[in-house]
Full PDB file with SEQRES, HELIX, SHEET, SSBOND, CRYST1, ORIGX, SCALE, CONECT and MASTER records, all heavy atoms in Angstrom:
SEQRES   1 A   35  GLU PHE VAL THR TYR GLY LEU PHE THR ASP HIS ASN ALA          
SEQRES   2 A   35  PHE GLU GLN HIS LEU ASN SER ALA HIS VAL SER ASN TRP          
SEQRES   3 A   35  LEU ALA GLY SER SER ALA TRP LEU ALA                          
HELIX    1 AA1 HIS A   11  LEU A   18  1                                   8    
HELIX    2 AA2 ALA A   21  ALA A   28  1                                   8    
HELIX    3 AA3 SER A   30  ALA A   32  5                                   3    
CRYST1    1.000    1.000    1.000  90.00  90.00  90.00 P 1           1          
ORIGX1      1.000000  0.000000  0.000000        0.00000                         
ORIGX2      0.000000  1.000000  0.000000        0.00000                         
ORIGX3      0.000000  0.000000  1.000000        0.00000                         
SCALE1      1.000000  0.000000  0.000000        0.00000                         
SCALE2      0.000000  1.000000  0.000000        0.00000                         
SCALE3      0.000000  0.000000  1.000000        0.00000                         
ATOM      1  N   GLU A   1     -23.232 135.251  45.216  1.00  0.00           N  
ATOM      2  CA  GLU A   1     -21.936 135.852  45.185  1.00  0.00           C  
ATOM      3  C   GLU A   1     -22.088 137.308  45.791  1.00  0.00           C  
ATOM      4  O   GLU A   1     -22.944 138.104  45.327  1.00  0.00           O  
ATOM      5  CB  GLU A   1     -21.418 136.050  43.769  1.00  0.00           C  
ATOM      6  CG  GLU A   1     -20.016 136.614  43.646  1.00  0.00           C  
ATOM      7  CD  GLU A   1     -19.469 136.617  42.262  1.00  0.00           C  
ATOM      8  OE1 GLU A   1     -19.097 135.595  41.805  1.00  0.00           O  
ATOM      9  OE2 GLU A   1     -19.466 137.666  41.650  1.00  0.00           O  
ATOM     10  N   PHE A   2     -21.210 137.566  46.808  1.00  0.00           N  
ATOM     11  CA  PHE A   2     -21.219 138.845  47.440  1.00  0.00           C  
ATOM     12  C   PHE A   2     -19.882 139.466  47.416  1.00  0.00           C  
ATOM     13  O   PHE A   2     -18.915 138.793  47.246  1.00  0.00           O  
ATOM     14  CB  PHE A   2     -21.705 138.649  48.824  1.00  0.00           C  
ATOM     15  CG  PHE A   2     -23.130 138.279  49.038  1.00  0.00           C  
ATOM     16  CD1 PHE A   2     -23.497 136.876  48.895  1.00  0.00           C  
ATOM     17  CD2 PHE A   2     -24.101 139.183  49.253  1.00  0.00           C  
ATOM     18  CE1 PHE A   2     -24.786 136.507  48.998  1.00  0.00           C  
ATOM     19  CE2 PHE A   2     -25.397 138.799  49.436  1.00  0.00           C  
ATOM     20  CZ  PHE A   2     -25.743 137.452  49.307  1.00  0.00           C  
ATOM     21  N   VAL A   3     -19.756 140.829  47.572  1.00  0.00           N  
ATOM     22  CA  VAL A   3     -18.545 141.538  47.531  1.00  0.00           C  
ATOM     23  C   VAL A   3     -18.656 142.546  48.606  1.00  0.00           C  
ATOM     24  O   VAL A   3     -19.715 143.312  48.695  1.00  0.00           O  
ATOM     25  CB  VAL A   3     -18.221 142.182  46.215  1.00  0.00           C  
ATOM     26  CG1 VAL A   3     -17.051 143.107  46.285  1.00  0.00           C  
ATOM     27  CG2 VAL A   3     -17.961 141.126  45.078  1.00  0.00           C  
ATOM     28  N   THR A   4     -17.672 142.744  49.425  1.00  0.00           N  
ATOM     29  CA  THR A   4     -17.609 143.936  50.282  1.00  0.00           C  
ATOM     30  C   THR A   4     -16.563 144.919  49.743  1.00  0.00           C  
ATOM     31  O   THR A   4     -15.590 144.512  49.094  1.00  0.00           O  
ATOM     32  CB  THR A   4     -17.158 143.503  51.795  1.00  0.00           C  
ATOM     33  OG1 THR A   4     -15.913 143.032  51.756  1.00  0.00           O  
ATOM     34  CG2 THR A   4     -18.185 142.635  52.430  1.00  0.00           C  
ATOM     35  N   TYR A   5     -16.883 146.140  49.882  1.00  0.00           N  
ATOM     36  CA  TYR A   5     -16.002 147.257  49.440  1.00  0.00           C  
ATOM     37  C   TYR A   5     -15.750 148.105  50.656  1.00  0.00           C  
ATOM     38  O   TYR A   5     -16.651 148.538  51.323  1.00  0.00           O  
ATOM     39  CB  TYR A   5     -16.631 148.122  48.305  1.00  0.00           C  
ATOM     40  CG  TYR A   5     -15.817 149.269  47.972  1.00  0.00           C  
ATOM     41  CD1 TYR A   5     -14.827 149.215  47.076  1.00  0.00           C  
ATOM     42  CD2 TYR A   5     -16.162 150.479  48.662  1.00  0.00           C  
ATOM     43  CE1 TYR A   5     -14.103 150.415  46.785  1.00  0.00           C  
ATOM     44  CE2 TYR A   5     -15.444 151.652  48.281  1.00  0.00           C  
ATOM     45  CZ  TYR A   5     -14.449 151.615  47.398  1.00  0.00           C  
ATOM     46  OH  TYR A   5     -13.700 152.769  47.099  1.00  0.00           O  
ATOM     47  N   GLY A   6     -14.483 148.254  51.011  1.00  0.00           N  
ATOM     48  CA  GLY A   6     -14.080 149.147  52.167  1.00  0.00           C  
ATOM     49  C   GLY A   6     -12.988 150.164  51.640  1.00  0.00           C  
ATOM     50  O   GLY A   6     -12.099 149.817  51.086  1.00  0.00           O  
ATOM     51  N   LEU A   7     -13.308 151.358  52.070  1.00  0.00           N  
ATOM     52  CA  LEU A   7     -12.353 152.525  51.908  1.00  0.00           C  
ATOM     53  C   LEU A   7     -11.948 152.954  53.302  1.00  0.00           C  
ATOM     54  O   LEU A   7     -12.726 153.366  54.108  1.00  0.00           O  
ATOM     55  CB  LEU A   7     -12.992 153.625  51.146  1.00  0.00           C  
ATOM     56  CG  LEU A   7     -12.195 154.936  51.063  1.00  0.00           C  
ATOM     57  CD1 LEU A   7     -10.855 154.604  50.225  1.00  0.00           C  
ATOM     58  CD2 LEU A   7     -12.963 156.054  50.295  1.00  0.00           C  
ATOM     59  N   PHE A   8     -10.632 152.830  53.542  1.00  0.00           N  
ATOM     60  CA  PHE A   8     -10.042 153.183  54.852  1.00  0.00           C  
ATOM     61  C   PHE A   8      -9.087 154.321  54.695  1.00  0.00           C  
ATOM     62  O   PHE A   8      -8.450 154.468  53.669  1.00  0.00           O  
ATOM     63  CB  PHE A   8      -9.325 151.911  55.421  1.00  0.00           C  
ATOM     64  CG  PHE A   8     -10.147 150.668  55.554  1.00  0.00           C  
ATOM     65  CD1 PHE A   8     -10.408 149.785  54.500  1.00  0.00           C  
ATOM     66  CD2 PHE A   8     -10.759 150.403  56.753  1.00  0.00           C  
ATOM     67  CE1 PHE A   8     -11.189 148.673  54.594  1.00  0.00           C  
ATOM     68  CE2 PHE A   8     -11.599 149.309  56.884  1.00  0.00           C  
ATOM     69  CZ  PHE A   8     -11.868 148.383  55.779  1.00  0.00           C  
ATOM     70  N   THR A   9      -8.930 155.007  55.814  1.00  0.00           N  
ATOM     71  CA  THR A   9      -8.061 156.170  55.739  1.00  0.00           C  
ATOM     72  C   THR A   9      -6.628 155.790  55.503  1.00  0.00           C  
ATOM     73  O   THR A   9      -5.876 156.567  54.856  1.00  0.00           O  
ATOM     74  CB  THR A   9      -8.126 156.908  57.076  1.00  0.00           C  
ATOM     75  OG1 THR A   9      -7.857 156.076  58.154  1.00  0.00           O  
ATOM     76  CG2 THR A   9      -9.494 157.674  57.284  1.00  0.00           C  
ATOM     77  N   ASP A  10      -6.210 154.566  55.918  1.00  0.00           N  
ATOM     78  CA  ASP A  10      -4.881 154.072  55.627  1.00  0.00           C  
ATOM     79  C   ASP A  10      -4.806 152.600  56.002  1.00  0.00           C  
ATOM     80  O   ASP A  10      -5.866 152.023  56.453  1.00  0.00           O  
ATOM     81  CB  ASP A  10      -3.764 154.910  56.505  1.00  0.00           C  
ATOM     82  CG  ASP A  10      -4.127 154.927  57.996  1.00  0.00           C  
ATOM     83  OD1 ASP A  10      -4.772 153.921  58.472  1.00  0.00           O  
ATOM     84  OD2 ASP A  10      -3.609 155.782  58.684  1.00  0.00           O  
ATOM     85  N   HIS A  11      -3.635 151.960  55.757  1.00  0.00           N  
ATOM     86  CA  HIS A  11      -3.469 150.609  56.010  1.00  0.00           C  
ATOM     87  C   HIS A  11      -3.721 150.223  57.465  1.00  0.00           C  
ATOM     88  O   HIS A  11      -4.310 149.201  57.783  1.00  0.00           O  
ATOM     89  CB  HIS A  11      -2.183 150.072  55.451  1.00  0.00           C  
ATOM     90  CG  HIS A  11      -2.084 148.598  55.550  1.00  0.00           C  
ATOM     91  ND1 HIS A  11      -2.677 147.697  54.635  1.00  0.00           N  
ATOM     92  CD2 HIS A  11      -1.451 147.688  56.391  1.00  0.00           C  
ATOM     93  CE1 HIS A  11      -2.478 146.445  54.993  1.00  0.00           C  
ATOM     94  NE2 HIS A  11      -1.704 146.399  56.016  1.00  0.00           N  
ATOM     95  N   ASN A  12      -3.300 151.057  58.303  1.00  0.00           N  
ATOM     96  CA  ASN A  12      -3.431 150.791  59.815  1.00  0.00           C  
ATOM     97  C   ASN A  12      -4.955 150.733  60.160  1.00  0.00           C  
ATOM     98  O   ASN A  12      -5.328 149.889  60.938  1.00  0.00           O  
ATOM     99  CB  ASN A  12      -2.805 151.922  60.643  1.00  0.00           C  
ATOM    100  CG  ASN A  12      -2.881 151.638  62.064  1.00  0.00           C  
ATOM    101  OD1 ASN A  12      -2.487 150.490  62.521  1.00  0.00           O  
ATOM    102  ND2 ASN A  12      -3.334 152.646  62.890  1.00  0.00           N  
ATOM    103  N   ALA A  13      -5.778 151.591  59.589  1.00  0.00           N  
ATOM    104  CA  ALA A  13      -7.217 151.572  59.869  1.00  0.00           C  
ATOM    105  C   ALA A  13      -7.836 150.155  59.333  1.00  0.00           C  
ATOM    106  O   ALA A  13      -8.670 149.661  60.026  1.00  0.00           O  
ATOM    107  CB  ALA A  13      -7.971 152.663  59.198  1.00  0.00           C  
ATOM    108  N   PHE A  14      -7.332 149.719  58.231  1.00  0.00           N  
ATOM    109  CA  PHE A  14      -7.780 148.470  57.691  1.00  0.00           C  
ATOM    110  C   PHE A  14      -7.306 147.253  58.720  1.00  0.00           C  
ATOM    111  O   PHE A  14      -8.083 146.452  59.014  1.00  0.00           O  
ATOM    112  CB  PHE A  14      -7.224 148.111  56.387  1.00  0.00           C  
ATOM    113  CG  PHE A  14      -7.340 146.708  55.980  1.00  0.00           C  
ATOM    114  CD1 PHE A  14      -8.647 146.146  55.744  1.00  0.00           C  
ATOM    115  CD2 PHE A  14      -6.273 145.815  55.878  1.00  0.00           C  
ATOM    116  CE1 PHE A  14      -8.757 144.825  55.386  1.00  0.00           C  
ATOM    117  CE2 PHE A  14      -6.396 144.552  55.517  1.00  0.00           C  
ATOM    118  CZ  PHE A  14      -7.657 143.940  55.252  1.00  0.00           C  
ATOM    119  N   GLU A  15      -6.069 147.340  59.213  1.00  0.00           N  
ATOM    120  CA  GLU A  15      -5.615 146.308  60.170  1.00  0.00           C  
ATOM    121  C   GLU A  15      -6.461 146.418  61.411  1.00  0.00           C  
ATOM    122  O   GLU A  15      -6.762 145.346  61.999  1.00  0.00           O  
ATOM    123  CB  GLU A  15      -4.149 146.582  60.508  1.00  0.00           C  
ATOM    124  CG  GLU A  15      -3.152 146.309  59.330  1.00  0.00           C  
ATOM    125  CD  GLU A  15      -3.095 144.770  59.013  1.00  0.00           C  
ATOM    126  OE1 GLU A  15      -3.359 143.943  59.922  1.00  0.00           O  
ATOM    127  OE2 GLU A  15      -2.893 144.441  57.840  1.00  0.00           O  
ATOM    128  N   GLN A  16      -6.876 147.512  61.871  1.00  0.00           N  
ATOM    129  CA  GLN A  16      -7.638 147.683  63.136  1.00  0.00           C  
ATOM    130  C   GLN A  16      -9.078 146.997  62.750  1.00  0.00           C  
ATOM    131  O   GLN A  16      -9.581 146.434  63.679  1.00  0.00           O  
ATOM    132  CB  GLN A  16      -7.829 149.104  63.496  1.00  0.00           C  
ATOM    133  CG  GLN A  16      -6.479 149.663  64.105  1.00  0.00           C  
ATOM    134  CD  GLN A  16      -6.683 151.097  64.491  1.00  0.00           C  
ATOM    135  OE1 GLN A  16      -7.582 151.810  64.183  1.00  0.00           O  
ATOM    136  NE2 GLN A  16      -5.670 151.604  65.212  1.00  0.00           N  
ATOM    137  N   HIS A  17      -9.573 147.290  61.599  1.00  0.00           N  
ATOM    138  CA  HIS A  17     -10.895 146.669  61.276  1.00  0.00           C  
ATOM    139  C   HIS A  17     -10.677 145.160  61.188  1.00  0.00           C  
ATOM    140  O   HIS A  17     -11.573 144.516  61.789  1.00  0.00           O  
ATOM    141  CB  HIS A  17     -11.263 147.163  59.843  1.00  0.00           C  
ATOM    142  CG  HIS A  17     -12.345 146.351  59.205  1.00  0.00           C  
ATOM    143  ND1 HIS A  17     -13.604 146.403  59.548  1.00  0.00           N  
ATOM    144  CD2 HIS A  17     -12.242 145.450  58.104  1.00  0.00           C  
ATOM    145  CE1 HIS A  17     -14.330 145.642  58.789  1.00  0.00           C  
ATOM    146  NE2 HIS A  17     -13.445 145.035  57.904  1.00  0.00           N  
ATOM    147  N   LEU A  18      -9.670 144.645  60.648  1.00  0.00           N  
ATOM    148  CA  LEU A  18      -9.495 143.239  60.539  1.00  0.00           C  
ATOM    149  C   LEU A  18      -9.340 142.552  61.890  1.00  0.00           C  
ATOM    150  O   LEU A  18      -9.855 141.408  62.114  1.00  0.00           O  
ATOM    151  CB  LEU A  18      -8.238 142.933  59.719  1.00  0.00           C  
ATOM    152  CG  LEU A  18      -8.037 141.506  59.184  1.00  0.00           C  
ATOM    153  CD1 LEU A  18      -9.172 141.099  58.242  1.00  0.00           C  
ATOM    154  CD2 LEU A  18      -6.724 141.500  58.369  1.00  0.00           C  
ATOM    155  N   ASN A  19      -8.876 143.265  62.882  1.00  0.00           N  
ATOM    156  CA  ASN A  19      -8.617 142.682  64.154  1.00  0.00           C  
ATOM    157  C   ASN A  19      -9.813 143.105  65.170  1.00  0.00           C  
ATOM    158  O   ASN A  19      -9.654 142.664  66.340  1.00  0.00           O  
ATOM    159  CB  ASN A  19      -7.343 143.231  64.838  1.00  0.00           C  
ATOM    160  CG  ASN A  19      -6.106 142.703  64.082  1.00  0.00           C  
ATOM    161  OD1 ASN A  19      -6.067 141.472  63.728  1.00  0.00           O  
ATOM    162  ND2 ASN A  19      -5.166 143.552  63.737  1.00  0.00           N  
ATOM    163  N   SER A  20     -10.822 143.630  64.631  1.00  0.00           N  
ATOM    164  CA  SER A  20     -11.936 144.006  65.531  1.00  0.00           C  
ATOM    165  C   SER A  20     -12.780 142.756  65.972  1.00  0.00           C  
ATOM    166  O   SER A  20     -12.709 141.706  65.258  1.00  0.00           O  
ATOM    167  CB  SER A  20     -12.941 144.969  64.771  1.00  0.00           C  
ATOM    168  OG  SER A  20     -13.555 144.274  63.667  1.00  0.00           O  
ATOM    169  N   ALA A  21     -13.401 142.798  67.022  1.00  0.00           N  
ATOM    170  CA  ALA A  21     -14.105 141.672  67.531  1.00  0.00           C  
ATOM    171  C   ALA A  21     -15.253 141.182  66.541  1.00  0.00           C  
ATOM    172  O   ALA A  21     -15.436 140.078  66.403  1.00  0.00           O  
ATOM    173  CB  ALA A  21     -14.854 141.997  68.877  1.00  0.00           C  
ATOM    174  N   HIS A  22     -15.974 142.172  65.962  1.00  0.00           N  
ATOM    175  CA  HIS A  22     -17.030 141.729  64.990  1.00  0.00           C  
ATOM    176  C   HIS A  22     -16.523 140.982  63.764  1.00  0.00           C  
ATOM    177  O   HIS A  22     -17.098 140.082  63.248  1.00  0.00           O  
ATOM    178  CB  HIS A  22     -17.958 142.871  64.579  1.00  0.00           C  
ATOM    179  CG  HIS A  22     -17.211 144.012  64.082  1.00  0.00           C  
ATOM    180  ND1 HIS A  22     -16.737 145.058  64.864  1.00  0.00           N  
ATOM    181  CD2 HIS A  22     -16.930 144.446  62.756  1.00  0.00           C  
ATOM    182  CE1 HIS A  22     -16.189 146.023  64.110  1.00  0.00           C  
ATOM    183  NE2 HIS A  22     -16.293 145.659  62.866  1.00  0.00           N  
ATOM    184  N   VAL A  23     -15.376 141.438  63.215  1.00  0.00           N  
ATOM    185  CA  VAL A  23     -14.740 140.730  62.073  1.00  0.00           C  
ATOM    186  C   VAL A  23     -14.086 139.384  62.538  1.00  0.00           C  
ATOM    187  O   VAL A  23     -14.412 138.394  61.886  1.00  0.00           O  
ATOM    188  CB  VAL A  23     -13.633 141.573  61.449  1.00  0.00           C  
ATOM    189  CG1 VAL A  23     -12.872 140.794  60.350  1.00  0.00           C  
ATOM    190  CG2 VAL A  23     -14.332 142.820  60.823  1.00  0.00           C  
ATOM    191  N   SER A  24     -13.546 139.370  63.670  1.00  0.00           N  
ATOM    192  CA  SER A  24     -12.955 138.098  64.201  1.00  0.00           C  
ATOM    193  C   SER A  24     -14.034 137.068  64.427  1.00  0.00           C  
ATOM    194  O   SER A  24     -13.840 135.905  64.038  1.00  0.00           O  
ATOM    195  CB  SER A  24     -12.214 138.369  65.507  1.00  0.00           C  
ATOM    196  OG  SER A  24     -11.107 139.189  65.258  1.00  0.00           O  
ATOM    197  N   ASN A  25     -15.114 137.437  65.049  1.00  0.00           N  
ATOM    198  CA  ASN A  25     -16.270 136.498  65.296  1.00  0.00           C  
ATOM    199  C   ASN A  25     -16.899 136.085  64.053  1.00  0.00           C  
ATOM    200  O   ASN A  25     -17.185 134.860  63.839  1.00  0.00           O  
ATOM    201  CB  ASN A  25     -17.279 137.256  66.088  1.00  0.00           C  
ATOM    202  CG  ASN A  25     -16.843 137.461  67.538  1.00  0.00           C  
ATOM    203  OD1 ASN A  25     -15.901 136.756  68.102  1.00  0.00           O  
ATOM    204  ND2 ASN A  25     -17.319 138.414  68.218  1.00  0.00           N  
ATOM    205  N   TRP A  26     -17.046 136.972  63.031  1.00  0.00           N  
ATOM    206  CA  TRP A  26     -17.512 136.603  61.735  1.00  0.00           C  
ATOM    207  C   TRP A  26     -16.662 135.591  61.095  1.00  0.00           C  
ATOM    208  O   TRP A  26     -17.120 134.498  60.543  1.00  0.00           O  
ATOM    209  CB  TRP A  26     -17.721 137.843  60.871  1.00  0.00           C  
ATOM    210  CG  TRP A  26     -18.411 137.562  59.586  1.00  0.00           C  
ATOM    211  CD1 TRP A  26     -19.767 137.545  59.307  1.00  0.00           C  
ATOM    212  CD2 TRP A  26     -17.792 137.159  58.339  1.00  0.00           C  
ATOM    213  NE1 TRP A  26     -19.994 137.265  58.070  1.00  0.00           N  
ATOM    214  CE2 TRP A  26     -18.827 136.992  57.350  1.00  0.00           C  
ATOM    215  CE3 TRP A  26     -16.485 136.893  57.957  1.00  0.00           C  
ATOM    216  CZ2 TRP A  26     -18.565 136.580  56.102  1.00  0.00           C  
ATOM    217  CZ3 TRP A  26     -16.243 136.529  56.668  1.00  0.00           C  
ATOM    218  CH2 TRP A  26     -17.283 136.381  55.735  1.00  0.00           C  
ATOM    219  N   LEU A  27     -15.375 135.840  61.080  1.00  0.00           N  
ATOM    220  CA  LEU A  27     -14.382 134.917  60.452  1.00  0.00           C  
ATOM    221  C   LEU A  27     -14.367 133.548  61.098  1.00  0.00           C  
ATOM    222  O   LEU A  27     -14.353 132.475  60.371  1.00  0.00           O  
ATOM    223  CB  LEU A  27     -12.950 135.448  60.459  1.00  0.00           C  
ATOM    224  CG  LEU A  27     -12.793 136.627  59.613  1.00  0.00           C  
ATOM    225  CD1 LEU A  27     -11.374 137.346  59.825  1.00  0.00           C  
ATOM    226  CD2 LEU A  27     -12.738 136.177  58.027  1.00  0.00           C  
ATOM    227  N   ALA A  28     -14.628 133.497  62.363  1.00  0.00           N  
ATOM    228  CA  ALA A  28     -14.585 132.234  63.115  1.00  0.00           C  
ATOM    229  C   ALA A  28     -15.762 131.301  62.647  1.00  0.00           C  
ATOM    230  O   ALA A  28     -15.555 130.055  62.631  1.00  0.00           O  
ATOM    231  CB  ALA A  28     -14.640 132.485  64.577  1.00  0.00           C  
ATOM    232  N   GLY A  29     -16.867 131.839  62.279  1.00  0.00           N  
ATOM    233  CA  GLY A  29     -17.995 131.082  61.856  1.00  0.00           C  
ATOM    234  C   GLY A  29     -18.174 131.037  60.339  1.00  0.00           C  
ATOM    235  O   GLY A  29     -19.093 130.335  59.809  1.00  0.00           O  
ATOM    236  N   SER A  30     -17.269 131.590  59.493  1.00  0.00           N  
ATOM    237  CA  SER A  30     -17.482 131.730  58.158  1.00  0.00           C  
ATOM    238  C   SER A  30     -17.529 130.433  57.305  1.00  0.00           C  
ATOM    239  O   SER A  30     -18.101 130.333  56.243  1.00  0.00           O  
ATOM    240  CB  SER A  30     -16.439 132.697  57.524  1.00  0.00           C  
ATOM    241  OG  SER A  30     -15.100 132.142  57.643  1.00  0.00           O  
ATOM    242  N   SER A  31     -16.918 129.379  57.838  1.00  0.00           N  
ATOM    243  CA  SER A  31     -16.951 128.123  57.079  1.00  0.00           C  
ATOM    244  C   SER A  31     -18.330 127.545  56.960  1.00  0.00           C  
ATOM    245  O   SER A  31     -18.672 126.769  56.081  1.00  0.00           O  
ATOM    246  CB  SER A  31     -16.033 127.094  57.778  1.00  0.00           C  
ATOM    247  OG  SER A  31     -16.590 126.764  59.141  1.00  0.00           O  
ATOM    248  N   ALA A  32     -19.285 128.012  57.767  1.00  0.00           N  
ATOM    249  CA  ALA A  32     -20.692 127.572  57.681  1.00  0.00           C  
ATOM    250  C   ALA A  32     -21.384 128.097  56.423  1.00  0.00           C  
ATOM    251  O   ALA A  32     -22.338 127.505  56.004  1.00  0.00           O  
ATOM    252  CB  ALA A  32     -21.444 127.980  59.000  1.00  0.00           C  
ATOM    253  N   TRP A  33     -20.892 129.217  55.891  1.00  0.00           N  
ATOM    254  CA  TRP A  33     -21.576 129.855  54.703  1.00  0.00           C  
ATOM    255  C   TRP A  33     -20.726 130.004  53.540  1.00  0.00           C  
ATOM    256  O   TRP A  33     -21.202 130.274  52.461  1.00  0.00           O  
ATOM    257  CB  TRP A  33     -22.349 131.163  55.159  1.00  0.00           C  
ATOM    258  CG  TRP A  33     -21.445 132.137  55.803  1.00  0.00           C  
ATOM    259  CD1 TRP A  33     -20.552 132.971  55.208  1.00  0.00           C  
ATOM    260  CD2 TRP A  33     -21.311 132.357  57.175  1.00  0.00           C  
ATOM    261  NE1 TRP A  33     -19.920 133.725  56.156  1.00  0.00           N  
ATOM    262  CE2 TRP A  33     -20.364 133.397  57.367  1.00  0.00           C  
ATOM    263  CE3 TRP A  33     -22.038 131.856  58.330  1.00  0.00           C  
ATOM    264  CZ2 TRP A  33     -20.033 133.887  58.690  1.00  0.00           C  
ATOM    265  CZ3 TRP A  33     -21.711 132.333  59.577  1.00  0.00           C  
ATOM    266  CH2 TRP A  33     -20.714 133.356  59.730  1.00  0.00           C  
ATOM    267  N   LEU A  34     -19.403 129.994  53.620  1.00  0.00           N  
ATOM    268  CA  LEU A  34     -18.547 130.266  52.473  1.00  0.00           C  
ATOM    269  C   LEU A  34     -18.409 128.928  51.682  1.00  0.00           C  
ATOM    270  O   LEU A  34     -18.144 127.855  52.137  1.00  0.00           O  
ATOM    271  CB  LEU A  34     -17.165 130.611  53.001  1.00  0.00           C  
ATOM    272  CG  LEU A  34     -16.934 132.057  53.397  1.00  0.00           C  
ATOM    273  CD1 LEU A  34     -15.520 132.293  53.920  1.00  0.00           C  
ATOM    274  CD2 LEU A  34     -17.359 133.027  52.376  1.00  0.00           C  
ATOM    275  N   ALA A  35     -18.625 129.052  50.360  1.00  0.00           N  
ATOM    276  CA  ALA A  35     -18.577 127.961  49.450  1.00  0.00           C  
ATOM    277  C   ALA A  35     -17.172 127.655  48.966  1.00  0.00           C  
ATOM    278  O   ALA A  35     -16.800 126.629  48.552  1.00  0.00           O  
ATOM    279  CB  ALA A  35     -19.497 128.190  48.153  1.00  0.00           C  
TER     280      ALA A  35                                                      
MASTER        0    0    0    3    0    0    0    6  279    1    0    3          
END                                                                             
């Protein structure tokens, strides 16, 4: 069991994070490791 904790300057910064290439690529492969 893992948890990520993120503190962002505002909701827009979170949205930019969510739409980043590294998050998008990670999400695309996440079914391989998520239970």
